[in-house]
Amino acid sequence: MSALKVLKALVELQKIDAEILKMEKGRQHIPARLKEIDDTLDGMRRSLQQELEQLDEAEMARRMAESDLRAEKEQIKKWEARLNEVHNNRDYQALSREIESARKANLALEDEILRKMQEIEELKVSTDKKKAQLEETEKKLLAEKSELEKELARIDAEISQQRQVRQQAAERVEKRYLQQYQLISSRRDGIAVVPVLDEHCLGCHMGIPPQLYNLVLRGDEVRTCPHCMRIIYYEAALKDLNLD
């Protein structure tokens, strides 16, 4: 294969690789955004769930306090009924103290019930607000997620197709030049083949020696830029060249 045909094959391979690289860069933000969406929704759901659990605990604590209060009131009634039956002053005073102590304890229970009722009311307001926020955010972010997943699938399908085309293009390049191309590509951000113009490499934009430039114009050899080491070619020399 002539040097010009090698260069033509390499240029075509480079175009395909550049397109694949462009698509891969275009999809890079999608997985990160999908994760961000999932993390946002998971965080909102966890926060809501935590408050719902707090609400359940507060309601349970209120019910227990109310049950204790009812039990204490029943006990006080029994003690009050016994007062009429007690004839010993010492026993009477002891029972009276028990009743007074129980009444004070009941006041504390009533305060606790009021605090829990206030806490429950605040939690209900907060959870209702978070439910509404979650519903609104889910609607918005899940719609975005669906579109992103479609876009990701489309790009991946195109990349897969281009890789098949690339395989065919790579098979048209002689092994030694393909290895050289791949080595340069790995060191130069995927750009291994670039044109020259006005004695300058358009890869690094550095000037190249006139003798080398003339060789590239003729296309007699596969040469590289002395500065960036990319394979260089003259575009006009390949314009009408057919690889078949």
C-alpha atoms as a PDB file:
ATOM      1  CA  MET A   1       0.000   0.000   0.000  1.00  0.00           C
ATOM      2  CA  SER A   2       1.322   3.447  -0.951  1.00  0.00           C
ATOM      3  CA  ALA A   3       2.020   6.084   1.666  1.00  0.00           C
ATOM      4  CA  LEU A   4      -0.918   8.138   0.425  1.00  0.00           C
ATOM      5  CA  LYS A   5      -3.312   5.226   0.838  1.00  0.00           C
ATOM      6  CA  VAL A   6      -1.934   4.552   4.320  1.00  0.00           C
ATOM      7  CA  LEU A   7      -2.517   8.190   5.200  1.00  0.00           C
ATOM      8  CA  LYS A   8      -6.009   8.114   3.691  1.00  0.00           C
ATOM      9  CA  ALA A   9      -6.876   5.027   5.754  1.00  0.00           C
ATOM     10  CA  LEU A  10      -5.460   6.623   8.888  1.00  0.00           C
ATOM     11  CA  VAL A  11      -7.386   9.855   8.302  1.00  0.00           C
ATOM     12  CA  GLU A  12     -10.631   7.940   7.893  1.00  0.00           C
ATOM     13  CA  LEU A  13      -9.888   5.996  11.067  1.00  0.00           C
ATOM     14  CA  GLN A  14      -9.118   9.245  12.872  1.00  0.00           C
ATOM     15  CA  LYS A  15     -12.438  10.755  11.776  1.00  0.00           C
ATOM     16  CA  ILE A  16     -14.310   7.768  13.163  1.00  0.00           C
ATOM     17  CA  ASP A  17     -12.341   7.852  16.411  1.00  0.00           C
ATOM     18  CA  ALA A  18     -12.926  11.590  16.727  1.00  0.00           C
ATOM     19  CA  GLU A  19     -16.663  11.042  16.325  1.00  0.00           C
ATOM     20  CA  ILE A  20     -16.640   8.266  18.920  1.00  0.00           C
ATOM     21  CA  LEU A  21     -14.635  10.475  21.288  1.00  0.00           C
ATOM     22  CA  LYS A  22     -17.101  13.313  20.769  1.00  0.00           C
ATOM     23  CA  MET A  23     -20.045  11.048  21.571  1.00  0.00           C
ATOM     24  CA  GLU A  24     -18.312   9.599  24.618  1.00  0.00           C
ATOM     25  CA  LYS A  25     -17.618  13.090  25.937  1.00  0.00           C
ATOM     26  CA  GLY A  26     -21.218  14.021  25.188  1.00  0.00           C
ATOM     27  CA  ARG A  27     -22.512  11.192  27.377  1.00  0.00           C
ATOM     28  CA  GLN A  28     -20.095  11.695  30.279  1.00  0.00           C
ATOM     29  CA  HIS A  29     -22.409  13.992  32.251  1.00  0.00           C
ATOM     30  CA  ILE A  30     -25.440  11.695  31.942  1.00  0.00           C
ATOM     31  CA  PRO A  31     -24.512   8.926  34.448  1.00  0.00           C
ATOM     32  CA  ALA A  32     -23.451  11.569  36.990  1.00  0.00           C
ATOM     33  CA  ARG A  33     -26.738  13.442  36.544  1.00  0.00           C
ATOM     34  CA  LEU A  34     -28.730  10.202  36.841  1.00  0.00           C
ATOM     35  CA  LYS A  35     -26.956   9.443  40.113  1.00  0.00           C
ATOM     36  CA  GLU A  36     -27.587  12.987  41.308  1.00  0.00           C
ATOM     37  CA  ILE A  37     -31.306  12.569  40.589  1.00  0.00           C
ATOM     38  CA  ASP A  38     -31.438   9.239  42.450  1.00  0.00           C
ATOM     39  CA  ASP A  39     -29.495  10.669  45.392  1.00  0.00           C
ATOM     40  CA  THR A  40     -31.778  13.712  45.587  1.00  0.00           C
ATOM     41  CA  LEU A  41     -34.945  11.621  45.589  1.00  0.00           C
ATOM     42  CA  ASP A  42     -33.495   9.064  48.005  1.00  0.00           C
ATOM     43  CA  GLY A  43     -32.513  11.868  50.379  1.00  0.00           C
ATOM     44  CA  MET A  44     -35.984  13.407  50.260  1.00  0.00           C
ATOM     45  CA  ARG A  45     -37.621  10.002  50.804  1.00  0.00           C
ATOM     46  CA  ARG A  46     -35.359   9.228  53.757  1.00  0.00           C
ATOM     47  CA  SER A  47     -36.068  12.609  55.323  1.00  0.00           C
ATOM     48  CA  LEU A  48     -39.822  12.073  54.938  1.00  0.00           C
ATOM     49  CA  GLN A  49     -39.589   8.537  56.302  1.00  0.00           C
ATOM     50  CA  GLN A  50     -37.653   9.738  59.355  1.00  0.00           C
ATOM     51  CA  GLU A  51     -40.321  12.330  60.143  1.00  0.00           C
ATOM     52  CA  LEU A  52     -43.096   9.772  59.628  1.00  0.00           C
ATOM     53  CA  GLU A  53     -41.349   7.513  62.122  1.00  0.00           C
ATOM     54  CA  GLN A  54     -41.021  10.439  64.546  1.00  0.00           C
ATOM     55  CA  LEU A  55     -44.734  11.087  64.082  1.00  0.00           C
ATOM     56  CA  ASP A  56     -45.558   7.449  64.866  1.00  0.00           C
ATOM     57  CA  GLU A  57     -43.349   7.572  67.963  1.00  0.00           C
ATOM     58  CA  ALA A  58     -44.935  10.821  69.149  1.00  0.00           C
ATOM     59  CA  GLU A  59     -48.452   9.431  68.677  1.00  0.00           C
ATOM     60  CA  MET A  60     -47.492   6.246  70.532  1.00  0.00           C
ATOM     61  CA  ALA A  61     -45.985   8.292  73.378  1.00  0.00           C
ATOM     62  CA  ARG A  62     -49.182  10.387  73.555  1.00  0.00           C
ATOM     63  CA  ARG A  63     -51.380   7.280  73.682  1.00  0.00           C
ATOM     64  CA  MET A  64     -49.209   5.757  76.424  1.00  0.00           C
ATOM     65  CA  ALA A  65     -49.336   8.991  78.440  1.00  0.00           C
ATOM     66  CA  GLU A  66     -53.121   9.142  78.036  1.00  0.00           C
ATOM     67  CA  SER A  67     -53.388   5.509  79.148  1.00  0.00           C
ATOM     68  CA  ASP A  68     -51.213   6.220  82.185  1.00  0.00           C
ATOM     69  CA  LEU A  69     -53.322   9.282  82.983  1.00  0.00           C
ATOM     70  CA  ARG A  70     -56.561   7.278  82.833  1.00  0.00           C
ATOM     71  CA  ALA A  71     -55.049   4.596  85.095  1.00  0.00           C
ATOM     72  CA  GLU A  72     -53.868   7.202  87.597  1.00  0.00           C
ATOM     73  CA  LYS A  73     -57.258   8.895  87.668  1.00  0.00           C
ATOM     74  CA  GLU A  74     -58.943   5.552  88.335  1.00  0.00           C
ATOM     75  CA  GLN A  75     -56.474   4.937  91.152  1.00  0.00           C
ATOM     76  CA  ILE A  76     -57.208   8.353  92.652  1.00  0.00           C
ATOM     77  CA  LYS A  77     -60.933   7.590  92.587  1.00  0.00           C
ATOM     78  CA  LYS A  78     -60.327   4.379  94.478  1.00  0.00           C
ATOM     79  CA  TRP A  79     -58.159   6.151  97.055  1.00  0.00           C
ATOM     80  CA  GLU A  80     -60.751   8.902  97.461  1.00  0.00           C
ATOM     81  CA  ALA A  81     -63.428   6.257  98.051  1.00  0.00           C
ATOM     82  CA  ARG A  82     -61.237   4.651 100.716  1.00  0.00           C
ATOM     83  CA  LEU A  83     -60.834   7.955 102.575  1.00  0.00           C
ATOM     84  CA  ASN A  84     -64.401   7.647 103.871  1.00  0.00           C
ATOM     85  CA  GLU A  85     -63.576   4.218 105.206  1.00  0.00           C
ATOM     86  CA  VAL A  86     -60.349   5.216 107.008  1.00  0.00           C
ATOM     87  CA  HIS A  87     -60.860   6.101 110.689  1.00  0.00           C
ATOM     88  CA  ASN A  88     -57.225   6.250 111.714  1.00  0.00           C
ATOM     89  CA  ASN A  89     -55.882   9.791 111.300  1.00  0.00           C
ATOM     90  CA  ARG A  90     -52.396   8.543 110.476  1.00  0.00           C
ATOM     91  CA  ASP A  91     -53.703   6.317 107.692  1.00  0.00           C
ATOM     92  CA  TYR A  92     -55.958   9.108 106.488  1.00  0.00           C
ATOM     93  CA  GLN A  93     -53.032  11.546 106.195  1.00  0.00           C
ATOM     94  CA  ALA A  94     -50.873   8.952 104.399  1.00  0.00           C
ATOM     95  CA  LEU A  95     -53.606   8.217 101.888  1.00  0.00           C
ATOM     96  CA  SER A  96     -54.228  11.920 101.357  1.00  0.00           C
ATOM     97  CA  ARG A  97     -50.551  12.416 100.578  1.00  0.00           C
ATOM     98  CA  GLU A  98     -50.714   9.566  98.058  1.00  0.00           C
ATOM     99  CA  ILE A  99     -53.702  11.200  96.384  1.00  0.00           C
ATOM    100  CA  GLU A 100     -51.969  14.614  96.267  1.00  0.00           C
ATOM    101  CA  SER A 101     -48.813  13.085  94.857  1.00  0.00           C
ATOM    102  CA  ALA A 102     -50.821  11.246  92.182  1.00  0.00           C
ATOM    103  CA  ARG A 103     -52.628  14.466  91.230  1.00  0.00           C
ATOM    104  CA  LYS A 104     -49.289  16.260  90.754  1.00  0.00           C
ATOM    105  CA  ALA A 105     -48.067  13.351  88.671  1.00  0.00           C
ATOM    106  CA  ASN A 106     -51.242  13.647  86.592  1.00  0.00           C
ATOM    107  CA  LEU A 107     -50.535  17.320  85.974  1.00  0.00           C
ATOM    108  CA  ALA A 108     -47.114  16.334  84.634  1.00  0.00           C
ATOM    109  CA  LEU A 109     -48.752  13.702  82.427  1.00  0.00           C
ATOM    110  CA  GLU A 110     -51.231  16.254  81.112  1.00  0.00           C
ATOM    111  CA  ASP A 111     -48.371  18.632  80.287  1.00  0.00           C
ATOM    112  CA  GLU A 112     -46.561  15.809  78.509  1.00  0.00           C
ATOM    113  CA  ILE A 113     -49.713  14.980  76.521  1.00  0.00           C
ATOM    114  CA  LEU A 114     -50.051  18.623  75.494  1.00  0.00           C
ATOM    115  CA  ARG A 115     -46.404  18.737  74.409  1.00  0.00           C
ATOM    116  CA  LYS A 116     -46.841  15.556  72.369  1.00  0.00           C
ATOM    117  CA  MET A 117     -50.022  16.917  70.784  1.00  0.00           C
ATOM    118  CA  GLN A 118     -48.118  20.056  69.767  1.00  0.00           C
ATOM    119  CA  GLU A 119     -45.230  17.954  68.442  1.00  0.00           C
ATOM    120  CA  ILE A 120     -47.662  15.747  66.500  1.00  0.00           C
ATOM    121  CA  GLU A 121     -49.336  18.775  64.954  1.00  0.00           C
ATOM    122  CA  GLU A 122     -45.990  20.252  63.883  1.00  0.00           C
ATOM    123  CA  LEU A 123     -44.838  16.920  62.452  1.00  0.00           C
ATOM    124  CA  LYS A 124     -48.081  16.525  60.503  1.00  0.00           C
ATOM    125  CA  VAL A 125     -47.620  19.953  58.948  1.00  0.00           C
ATOM    126  CA  SER A 126     -43.980  19.165  58.147  1.00  0.00           C
ATOM    127  CA  THR A 127     -44.681  15.700  56.694  1.00  0.00           C
ATOM    128  CA  ASP A 128     -47.549  17.022  54.571  1.00  0.00           C
ATOM    129  CA  LYS A 129     -45.228  19.696  53.212  1.00  0.00           C
ATOM    130  CA  LYS A 130     -42.476  17.167  52.506  1.00  0.00           C
ATOM    131  CA  LYS A 131     -44.926  14.807  50.814  1.00  0.00           C
ATOM    132  CA  ALA A 132     -46.044  17.603  48.493  1.00  0.00           C
ATOM    133  CA  GLN A 133     -42.440  18.622  47.789  1.00  0.00           C
ATOM    134  CA  LEU A 134     -41.451  15.016  47.105  1.00  0.00           C
ATOM    135  CA  GLU A 135     -44.392  14.482  44.763  1.00  0.00           C
ATOM    136  CA  GLU A 136     -43.569  17.643  42.814  1.00  0.00           C
ATOM    137  CA  THR A 137     -39.833  16.893  42.685  1.00  0.00           C
ATOM    138  CA  GLU A 138     -40.409  13.256  41.697  1.00  0.00           C
ATOM    139  CA  LYS A 139     -42.618  14.321  38.821  1.00  0.00           C
ATOM    140  CA  LYS A 140     -39.985  16.732  37.544  1.00  0.00           C
ATOM    141  CA  LEU A 141     -36.851  14.644  38.137  1.00  0.00           C
ATOM    142  CA  LEU A 142     -38.299  11.314  36.995  1.00  0.00           C
ATOM    143  CA  ALA A 143     -39.338  12.955  33.719  1.00  0.00           C
ATOM    144  CA  GLU A 144     -35.789  14.279  33.330  1.00  0.00           C
ATOM    145  CA  LYS A 145     -34.380  10.866  34.244  1.00  0.00           C
ATOM    146  CA  SER A 146     -36.498   9.179  31.591  1.00  0.00           C
ATOM    147  CA  GLU A 147     -35.247  11.585  28.915  1.00  0.00           C
ATOM    148  CA  LEU A 148     -31.640  11.168  30.030  1.00  0.00           C
ATOM    149  CA  GLU A 149     -31.917   7.381  29.933  1.00  0.00           C
ATOM    150  CA  LYS A 150     -33.321   7.562  26.403  1.00  0.00           C
ATOM    151  CA  GLU A 151     -30.498   9.891  25.373  1.00  0.00           C
ATOM    152  CA  LEU A 152     -27.928   7.608  26.975  1.00  0.00           C
ATOM    153  CA  ALA A 153     -29.350   4.578  25.171  1.00  0.00           C
ATOM    154  CA  ARG A 154     -29.342   6.480  21.867  1.00  0.00           C
ATOM    155  CA  ILE A 155     -25.733   7.609  22.253  1.00  0.00           C
ATOM    156  CA  ASP A 156     -24.583   4.147  23.335  1.00  0.00           C
ATOM    157  CA  ALA A 157     -26.280   2.625  20.289  1.00  0.00           C
ATOM    158  CA  GLU A 158     -24.535   5.142  18.030  1.00  0.00           C
ATOM    159  CA  ILE A 159     -21.186   4.490  19.703  1.00  0.00           C
ATOM    160  CA  SER A 160     -21.681   0.748  19.248  1.00  0.00           C
ATOM    161  CA  GLN A 161     -22.462   1.267  15.589  1.00  0.00           C
ATOM    162  CA  GLN A 162     -19.464   3.533  15.107  1.00  0.00           C
ATOM    163  CA  ARG A 163     -17.195   0.993  16.775  1.00  0.00           C
ATOM    164  CA  GLN A 164     -18.264  -1.577  14.207  1.00  0.00           C
ATOM    165  CA  VAL A 165     -17.454   0.906  11.466  1.00  0.00           C
ATOM    166  CA  ARG A 166     -14.148   1.593  13.199  1.00  0.00           C
ATOM    167  CA  GLN A 167     -13.289  -2.095  13.226  1.00  0.00           C
ATOM    168  CA  GLN A 168     -13.736  -2.212   9.472  1.00  0.00           C
ATOM    169  CA  ALA A 169     -11.666   0.958   9.027  1.00  0.00           C
ATOM    170  CA  ALA A 170      -8.894  -0.373  11.287  1.00  0.00           C
ATOM    171  CA  GLU A 171      -8.671  -3.528   9.212  1.00  0.00           C
ATOM    172  CA  ARG A 172      -7.719  -1.390   6.201  1.00  0.00           C
ATOM    173  CA  VAL A 173      -4.630  -0.025   7.998  1.00  0.00           C
ATOM    174  CA  GLU A 174      -1.365  -1.927   7.911  1.00  0.00           C
ATOM    175  CA  LYS A 175      -0.529  -3.396  11.311  1.00  0.00           C
ATOM    176  CA  ARG A 176       2.644  -1.373  11.929  1.00  0.00           C
ATOM    177  CA  TYR A 177       0.889   1.905  11.138  1.00  0.00           C
ATOM    178  CA  LEU A 178      -2.118   0.936  13.187  1.00  0.00           C
ATOM    179  CA  GLN A 179       0.102   0.262  16.200  1.00  0.00           C
ATOM    180  CA  GLN A 180       1.845   3.597  15.672  1.00  0.00           C
ATOM    181  CA  TYR A 181      -1.502   5.346  15.367  1.00  0.00           C
ATOM    182  CA  GLN A 182      -2.864   3.782  18.542  1.00  0.00           C
ATOM    183  CA  LEU A 183       0.259   4.660  20.521  1.00  0.00           C
ATOM    184  CA  ILE A 184       0.134   8.300  19.435  1.00  0.00           C
ATOM    185  CA  SER A 185      -3.621   8.451  20.022  1.00  0.00           C
ATOM    186  CA  SER A 186      -3.203   7.232  23.603  1.00  0.00           C
ATOM    187  CA  ARG A 187      -0.660   9.989  24.265  1.00  0.00           C
ATOM    188  CA  ARG A 188      -2.409  12.833  22.445  1.00  0.00           C
ATOM    189  CA  ASP A 189      -5.974  12.780  23.748  1.00  0.00           C
ATOM    190  CA  GLY A 190      -7.233  10.629  20.916  1.00  0.00           C
ATOM    191  CA  ILE A 191      -5.879  12.819  18.101  1.00  0.00           C
ATOM    192  CA  ALA A 192      -3.096  10.999  16.271  1.00  0.00           C
ATOM    193  CA  VAL A 193      -3.453  12.266  12.677  1.00  0.00           C
ATOM    194  CA  VAL A 194      -3.603  15.948  11.738  1.00  0.00           C
ATOM    195  CA  PRO A 195      -3.227  17.993   8.538  1.00  0.00           C
ATOM    196  CA  VAL A 196      -0.511  20.518   7.765  1.00  0.00           C
ATOM    197  CA  LEU A 197      -1.004  23.983   6.331  1.00  0.00           C
ATOM    198  CA  ASP A 198       1.448  26.748   5.487  1.00  0.00           C
ATOM    199  CA  GLU A 199       4.364  24.811   6.974  1.00  0.00           C
ATOM    200  CA  HIS A 200       2.543  24.369  10.275  1.00  0.00           C
ATOM    201  CA  CYS A 201       1.198  21.303  12.035  1.00  0.00           C
ATOM    202  CA  LEU A 202      -2.463  21.897  12.820  1.00  0.00           C
ATOM    203  CA  GLY A 203      -2.224  19.589  15.813  1.00  0.00           C
ATOM    204  CA  CYS A 204       0.253  21.626  17.867  1.00  0.00           C
ATOM    205  CA  HIS A 205       0.341  24.719  15.596  1.00  0.00           C
ATOM    206  CA  MET A 206       4.116  24.633  15.514  1.00  0.00           C
ATOM    207  CA  GLY A 207       6.143  25.274  12.391  1.00  0.00           C
ATOM    208  CA  ILE A 208       7.763  22.311  10.649  1.00  0.00           C
ATOM    209  CA  PRO A 209      10.966  22.298   8.607  1.00  0.00           C
ATOM    210  CA  PRO A 210      10.499  23.147   4.899  1.00  0.00           C
ATOM    211  CA  GLN A 211      12.103  19.885   3.726  1.00  0.00           C
ATOM    212  CA  LEU A 212       9.714  17.836   5.869  1.00  0.00           C
ATOM    213  CA  TYR A 213       6.810  19.967   4.722  1.00  0.00           C
ATOM    214  CA  ASN A 214       7.651  19.243   1.082  1.00  0.00           C
ATOM    215  CA  LEU A 215       7.762  15.500   1.789  1.00  0.00           C
ATOM    216  CA  VAL A 216       4.336  15.712   3.381  1.00  0.00           C
ATOM    217  CA  LEU A 217       2.953  17.676   0.439  1.00  0.00           C
ATOM    218  CA  ARG A 218       4.049  14.931  -1.964  1.00  0.00           C
ATOM    219  CA  GLY A 219       2.754  12.181   0.297  1.00  0.00           C
ATOM    220  CA  ASP A 220       5.639   9.864  -0.515  1.00  0.00           C
ATOM    221  CA  GLU A 221       6.155   8.869   3.134  1.00  0.00           C
ATOM    222  CA  VAL A 222       4.243   8.589   6.382  1.00  0.00           C
ATOM    223  CA  ARG A 223       5.852  11.228   8.557  1.00  0.00           C
ATOM    224  CA  THR A 224       5.225  12.724  11.994  1.00  0.00           C
ATOM    225  CA  CYS A 225       5.400  16.238  13.408  1.00  0.00           C
ATOM    226  CA  PRO A 226       8.792  16.762  15.117  1.00  0.00           C
ATOM    227  CA  HIS A 227       7.055  18.627  17.958  1.00  0.00           C
ATOM    228  CA  CYS A 228       3.878  16.729  18.902  1.00  0.00           C
ATOM    229  CA  MET A 229       4.807  13.464  17.145  1.00  0.00           C
ATOM    230  CA  ARG A 230       1.395  13.196  15.469  1.00  0.00           C
ATOM    231  CA  ILE A 231       1.157  11.721  11.981  1.00  0.00           C
ATOM    232  CA  ILE A 232       0.823  14.592   9.522  1.00  0.00           C
ATOM    233  CA  TYR A 233      -0.644  14.782   6.014  1.00  0.00           C
ATOM    234  CA  TYR A 234      -1.555  17.259   3.297  1.00  0.00           C
ATOM    235  CA  GLU A 235      -5.315  17.355   2.857  1.00  0.00           C
ATOM    236  CA  ALA A 236      -5.395  18.189  -0.834  1.00  0.00           C
ATOM    237  CA  ALA A 237      -3.209  15.195  -1.681  1.00  0.00           C
ATOM    238  CA  LEU A 238      -5.845  12.823  -0.288  1.00  0.00           C
ATOM    239  CA  LYS A 239      -8.917  14.564  -1.630  1.00  0.00           C
ATOM    240  CA  ASP A 240      -9.644  12.396  -4.638  1.00  0.00           C
ATOM    241  CA  LEU A 241      -7.791   9.275  -3.488  1.00  0.00           C
ATOM    242  CA  ASN A 242      -9.856   6.087  -3.440  1.00  0.00           C
ATOM    243  CA  LEU A 243      -8.892   3.233  -1.131  1.00  0.00           C
ATOM    244  CA  ASP A 244     -10.749   0.601  -3.125  1.00  0.00           C
END
